[in-house]
N, C-alpha and C. Protein backbone atom coordinates (compact mmCIF):
# COMPACT_ATOMS: atom_id res chain seq x y z
N UNK A 1 73.31 92.52 4.59
CA UNK A 1 72.58 92.16 3.39
C UNK A 1 71.59 93.24 2.99
N UNK A 2 70.81 93.73 3.95
CA UNK A 2 69.80 94.74 3.64
C UNK A 2 70.45 96.00 3.09
N UNK A 3 71.60 96.36 3.61
CA UNK A 3 72.30 97.56 3.18
C UNK A 3 72.68 97.56 1.72
N UNK A 4 72.77 96.40 1.12
CA UNK A 4 73.11 96.30 -0.30
C UNK A 4 71.91 96.61 -1.19
N UNK A 5 70.75 96.74 -0.61
CA UNK A 5 69.53 96.97 -1.36
C UNK A 5 69.19 98.45 -1.39
N UNK A 6 70.09 99.26 -1.92
CA UNK A 6 69.94 100.71 -1.86
C UNK A 6 68.72 101.22 -2.62
N UNK A 7 68.18 100.48 -3.58
CA UNK A 7 67.02 100.91 -4.35
C UNK A 7 65.70 100.39 -3.79
N UNK A 8 65.75 99.71 -2.65
CA UNK A 8 64.56 99.13 -2.04
C UNK A 8 63.61 100.23 -1.58
N UNK A 9 62.33 100.14 -1.96
CA UNK A 9 61.33 101.13 -1.57
C UNK A 9 60.53 100.71 -0.35
N UNK A 10 60.24 99.41 -0.23
CA UNK A 10 59.46 98.89 0.90
C UNK A 10 60.15 97.68 1.48
N UNK A 11 60.28 97.65 2.79
CA UNK A 11 60.82 96.49 3.48
C UNK A 11 59.77 96.02 4.47
N UNK A 12 59.17 94.87 4.20
CA UNK A 12 58.12 94.32 5.05
C UNK A 12 58.63 93.03 5.68
N UNK A 13 59.00 93.13 6.96
CA UNK A 13 59.44 91.96 7.72
C UNK A 13 58.48 91.71 8.89
N UNK A 14 57.23 92.14 8.73
CA UNK A 14 56.22 91.93 9.76
C UNK A 14 56.02 90.45 10.04
N UNK A 15 55.78 90.14 11.31
CA UNK A 15 55.33 88.81 11.74
C UNK A 15 56.26 87.67 11.31
N UNK A 16 57.54 87.85 11.52
CA UNK A 16 58.51 86.81 11.18
C UNK A 16 59.23 86.24 12.39
N UNK A 17 58.81 86.64 13.59
CA UNK A 17 59.43 86.19 14.83
C UNK A 17 60.93 86.47 14.86
N UNK A 18 61.34 87.60 14.28
CA UNK A 18 62.74 88.01 14.28
C UNK A 18 63.12 88.47 15.68
N UNK A 19 64.35 88.19 16.08
CA UNK A 19 64.81 88.52 17.42
C UNK A 19 66.07 89.38 17.35
N UNK A 20 66.46 89.92 18.50
CA UNK A 20 67.66 90.73 18.58
C UNK A 20 67.35 92.19 18.32
N UNK A 21 68.37 92.94 17.98
CA UNK A 21 68.22 94.37 17.68
C UNK A 21 67.66 94.55 16.27
N UNK A 22 67.13 95.72 16.01
CA UNK A 22 66.74 96.06 14.64
C UNK A 22 68.00 95.96 13.80
N UNK A 23 67.95 95.26 12.67
CA UNK A 23 69.16 94.96 11.90
C UNK A 23 69.96 96.19 11.48
N UNK A 24 71.25 96.12 11.69
CA UNK A 24 72.11 97.20 11.19
C UNK A 24 72.21 97.06 9.68
N UNK A 25 72.49 98.13 9.03
CA UNK A 25 72.57 98.13 7.58
C UNK A 25 71.32 98.65 6.92
N UNK A 26 70.21 98.69 7.64
CA UNK A 26 68.96 99.23 7.07
C UNK A 26 69.19 100.66 6.60
N UNK A 27 69.99 101.41 7.35
CA UNK A 27 70.21 102.81 7.02
C UNK A 27 70.88 103.02 5.67
N UNK A 28 71.42 101.97 5.08
CA UNK A 28 72.04 102.08 3.76
C UNK A 28 71.03 101.96 2.62
N UNK A 29 69.81 101.54 2.95
CA UNK A 29 68.74 101.43 1.95
C UNK A 29 68.11 102.82 1.78
N UNK A 30 68.84 103.71 1.15
CA UNK A 30 68.51 105.14 1.14
C UNK A 30 67.23 105.50 0.40
N UNK A 31 66.69 104.62 -0.42
CA UNK A 31 65.42 104.91 -1.11
C UNK A 31 64.22 104.35 -0.37
N UNK A 32 64.44 103.79 0.80
CA UNK A 32 63.37 103.17 1.57
C UNK A 32 62.31 104.20 1.96
N UNK A 33 61.05 103.88 1.64
CA UNK A 33 59.93 104.75 1.98
C UNK A 33 59.01 104.12 3.03
N UNK A 34 58.98 102.78 3.07
CA UNK A 34 58.12 102.07 4.02
C UNK A 34 58.95 101.02 4.73
N UNK A 35 58.97 101.08 6.06
CA UNK A 35 59.72 100.14 6.88
C UNK A 35 58.75 99.48 7.86
N UNK A 36 58.47 98.20 7.64
CA UNK A 36 57.50 97.45 8.45
C UNK A 36 58.22 96.33 9.20
N UNK A 37 58.37 96.51 10.51
CA UNK A 37 59.07 95.54 11.34
C UNK A 37 58.20 95.10 12.52
N UNK A 38 56.90 95.23 12.40
CA UNK A 38 55.97 94.94 13.50
C UNK A 38 55.84 93.44 13.76
N UNK A 39 55.35 93.13 14.96
CA UNK A 39 55.02 91.76 15.36
C UNK A 39 56.21 90.81 15.25
N UNK A 40 57.33 91.27 15.77
CA UNK A 40 58.52 90.44 15.89
C UNK A 40 58.93 90.45 17.36
N UNK A 41 60.18 90.16 17.62
CA UNK A 41 60.69 90.17 18.99
C UNK A 41 61.95 91.02 19.09
N UNK A 42 61.97 92.13 18.35
CA UNK A 42 63.12 93.02 18.41
C UNK A 42 63.22 93.64 19.79
N UNK A 43 64.45 93.77 20.28
CA UNK A 43 64.72 94.36 21.59
C UNK A 43 65.66 95.54 21.41
N UNK A 44 65.86 96.29 22.49
CA UNK A 44 66.76 97.43 22.43
C UNK A 44 65.99 98.70 22.16
N UNK A 45 66.68 99.66 21.58
CA UNK A 45 66.07 100.96 21.34
C UNK A 45 65.84 101.19 19.85
N UNK A 46 65.12 102.26 19.55
CA UNK A 46 64.92 102.67 18.17
C UNK A 46 66.24 103.26 17.69
N UNK A 47 66.87 102.68 16.67
CA UNK A 47 68.20 103.14 16.27
C UNK A 47 68.22 104.53 15.65
N UNK A 48 69.17 105.32 16.09
CA UNK A 48 69.35 106.67 15.57
C UNK A 48 69.66 106.65 14.07
N UNK A 49 70.27 105.57 13.60
CA UNK A 49 70.67 105.46 12.19
C UNK A 49 69.47 105.52 11.24
N UNK A 50 68.27 105.27 11.73
CA UNK A 50 67.08 105.37 10.88
C UNK A 50 66.91 106.79 10.34
N UNK A 51 67.52 107.77 11.01
CA UNK A 51 67.46 109.16 10.55
C UNK A 51 68.13 109.34 9.19
N UNK A 52 68.98 108.40 8.79
CA UNK A 52 69.62 108.47 7.46
C UNK A 52 68.65 108.12 6.34
N UNK A 53 67.51 107.54 6.69
CA UNK A 53 66.51 107.14 5.70
C UNK A 53 65.54 108.29 5.49
N UNK A 54 66.02 109.35 4.90
CA UNK A 54 65.27 110.61 4.83
C UNK A 54 64.03 110.56 3.95
N UNK A 55 63.84 109.49 3.20
CA UNK A 55 62.64 109.36 2.36
C UNK A 55 61.52 108.58 3.03
N UNK A 56 61.77 108.11 4.25
CA UNK A 56 60.77 107.29 4.94
C UNK A 56 59.45 108.04 5.11
N UNK A 57 58.36 107.35 4.78
CA UNK A 57 57.02 107.88 4.96
C UNK A 57 56.26 107.11 6.04
N UNK A 58 56.59 105.81 6.19
CA UNK A 58 55.90 104.95 7.15
C UNK A 58 56.94 104.10 7.89
N UNK A 59 56.83 104.08 9.22
CA UNK A 59 57.63 103.18 10.06
C UNK A 59 56.66 102.48 11.00
N UNK A 60 56.69 101.15 11.01
CA UNK A 60 55.88 100.40 11.97
C UNK A 60 56.79 99.49 12.77
N UNK A 61 56.98 99.85 14.04
CA UNK A 61 57.81 99.08 14.96
C UNK A 61 56.96 98.50 16.08
N UNK A 62 55.66 98.50 15.93
CA UNK A 62 54.76 98.06 17.00
C UNK A 62 54.88 96.56 17.26
N UNK A 63 54.43 96.16 18.43
CA UNK A 63 54.41 94.76 18.86
C UNK A 63 55.80 94.12 18.83
N UNK A 64 56.76 94.84 19.36
CA UNK A 64 58.11 94.34 19.60
C UNK A 64 58.42 94.57 21.07
N UNK A 65 59.64 94.44 21.45
CA UNK A 65 60.04 94.62 22.85
C UNK A 65 61.05 95.76 22.95
N UNK A 66 60.79 96.84 22.23
CA UNK A 66 61.68 97.99 22.21
C UNK A 66 61.48 98.84 23.46
N UNK A 67 62.56 99.46 23.90
CA UNK A 67 62.54 100.31 25.09
C UNK A 67 63.30 101.59 24.79
N UNK A 68 63.13 102.58 25.64
CA UNK A 68 63.92 103.80 25.52
C UNK A 68 63.13 104.94 24.94
N UNK A 69 63.82 105.78 24.20
CA UNK A 69 63.19 106.96 23.62
C UNK A 69 63.44 106.98 22.12
N UNK A 70 62.59 107.71 21.41
CA UNK A 70 62.81 107.94 19.98
C UNK A 70 63.84 109.06 19.89
N UNK A 71 64.96 108.82 19.21
CA UNK A 71 66.01 109.86 19.13
C UNK A 71 65.49 111.14 18.48
N UNK A 72 65.86 112.30 19.05
CA UNK A 72 65.45 113.59 18.49
C UNK A 72 65.86 113.71 17.02
N UNK A 73 67.05 113.24 16.70
CA UNK A 73 67.55 113.35 15.33
C UNK A 73 66.61 112.65 14.35
N UNK A 74 66.04 111.53 14.76
CA UNK A 74 65.10 110.80 13.91
C UNK A 74 63.91 111.69 13.57
N UNK A 75 63.40 112.37 14.55
CA UNK A 75 62.23 113.23 14.34
C UNK A 75 62.57 114.46 13.49
N UNK A 76 63.77 114.95 13.63
CA UNK A 76 64.18 116.14 12.90
C UNK A 76 64.45 115.85 11.42
N UNK A 77 65.02 114.70 11.11
CA UNK A 77 65.47 114.39 9.76
C UNK A 77 64.41 113.80 8.85
N UNK A 78 63.41 113.15 9.41
CA UNK A 78 62.42 112.44 8.58
C UNK A 78 61.27 113.37 8.22
N UNK A 79 61.51 114.23 7.25
CA UNK A 79 60.55 115.26 6.86
C UNK A 79 59.31 114.70 6.15
N UNK A 80 59.41 113.52 5.56
CA UNK A 80 58.29 112.95 4.81
C UNK A 80 57.48 111.95 5.64
N UNK A 81 57.88 111.74 6.88
CA UNK A 81 57.23 110.75 7.72
C UNK A 81 55.76 111.11 7.96
N UNK A 82 54.86 110.17 7.59
CA UNK A 82 53.43 110.37 7.76
C UNK A 82 52.86 109.49 8.86
N UNK A 83 53.47 108.33 9.07
CA UNK A 83 52.96 107.40 10.07
C UNK A 83 54.12 106.68 10.74
N UNK A 84 54.10 106.69 12.08
CA UNK A 84 55.14 106.04 12.86
C UNK A 84 54.45 105.30 13.99
N UNK A 85 54.45 103.97 13.92
CA UNK A 85 53.79 103.16 14.93
C UNK A 85 54.83 102.51 15.83
N UNK A 86 54.59 102.66 17.13
CA UNK A 86 55.46 102.07 18.14
C UNK A 86 54.60 101.90 19.38
N UNK A 87 54.98 100.99 20.25
CA UNK A 87 54.23 100.78 21.49
C UNK A 87 54.61 101.87 22.48
N UNK A 88 53.72 102.82 22.68
CA UNK A 88 54.02 104.00 23.49
C UNK A 88 54.23 103.69 24.96
N UNK A 89 53.76 102.56 25.43
CA UNK A 89 53.97 102.24 26.84
C UNK A 89 55.42 101.88 27.14
N UNK A 90 56.15 101.44 26.12
CA UNK A 90 57.54 101.01 26.31
C UNK A 90 58.56 101.99 25.77
N UNK A 91 58.18 102.77 24.79
CA UNK A 91 59.08 103.73 24.17
C UNK A 91 58.54 105.12 24.45
N UNK A 92 59.33 105.97 25.05
CA UNK A 92 58.84 107.31 25.35
C UNK A 92 59.24 108.28 24.25
N UNK A 93 58.41 109.27 24.08
CA UNK A 93 58.58 110.24 23.01
C UNK A 93 58.59 111.63 23.64
N UNK A 94 59.53 112.44 23.26
CA UNK A 94 59.55 113.82 23.73
C UNK A 94 58.47 114.60 22.99
N UNK A 95 57.67 115.35 23.71
CA UNK A 95 56.57 116.06 23.06
C UNK A 95 57.01 117.24 22.22
N UNK A 96 58.23 117.71 22.36
CA UNK A 96 58.72 118.79 21.53
C UNK A 96 59.15 118.32 20.15
N UNK A 97 59.14 117.04 19.94
CA UNK A 97 59.65 116.44 18.71
C UNK A 97 58.71 116.72 17.54
N UNK A 98 59.24 117.10 16.39
CA UNK A 98 58.44 117.51 15.23
C UNK A 98 57.46 116.46 14.74
N UNK A 99 57.88 115.22 14.61
CA UNK A 99 57.02 114.21 14.00
C UNK A 99 56.43 113.26 15.01
N UNK A 100 56.81 113.35 16.25
CA UNK A 100 56.49 112.30 17.20
C UNK A 100 55.61 112.78 18.33
N UNK A 101 54.33 112.83 18.11
CA UNK A 101 53.38 113.11 19.18
C UNK A 101 52.53 111.87 19.34
N UNK A 102 52.65 111.22 20.48
CA UNK A 102 51.99 109.95 20.72
C UNK A 102 50.48 110.16 20.84
N UNK A 103 49.73 109.40 20.08
CA UNK A 103 48.27 109.42 20.17
C UNK A 103 47.79 108.00 20.38
N UNK A 104 46.52 107.79 20.57
CA UNK A 104 46.00 106.46 20.88
C UNK A 104 46.35 105.46 19.81
N UNK A 105 46.58 104.24 20.22
CA UNK A 105 46.93 103.19 19.29
C UNK A 105 48.41 103.15 18.99
N UNK A 106 49.19 104.00 19.61
CA UNK A 106 50.62 103.98 19.40
C UNK A 106 51.06 104.58 18.08
N UNK A 107 50.18 105.35 17.43
CA UNK A 107 50.55 105.96 16.16
C UNK A 107 51.14 107.33 16.45
N UNK A 108 52.29 107.58 15.92
CA UNK A 108 52.96 108.87 16.08
C UNK A 108 52.89 109.62 14.78
N UNK A 109 52.62 110.88 14.87
CA UNK A 109 52.57 111.69 13.65
C UNK A 109 53.34 112.99 13.87
């Protein structure tokens, strides 16, 4: 369903008690600039497909149950990314990554 919304600029699904993986199809919303998925119960890893959303400026994945690493491709492709929030204790970030240097509060820049 989300993938059909190719002109969508902001997707705010914060605090909806959503479960499972981050929904597939988000990567088809190619005009997406703000992706807010915080305070849910998403599990799994940060999907590599988010790298297709090259206009993203803000990603908030904090307060979920995500594990793993942020894919290098995500950091390389998201040239406009200004703010990336994730729980750094559960998701590890490579320090060589262009956009992803973990700082206090789980904000990556």
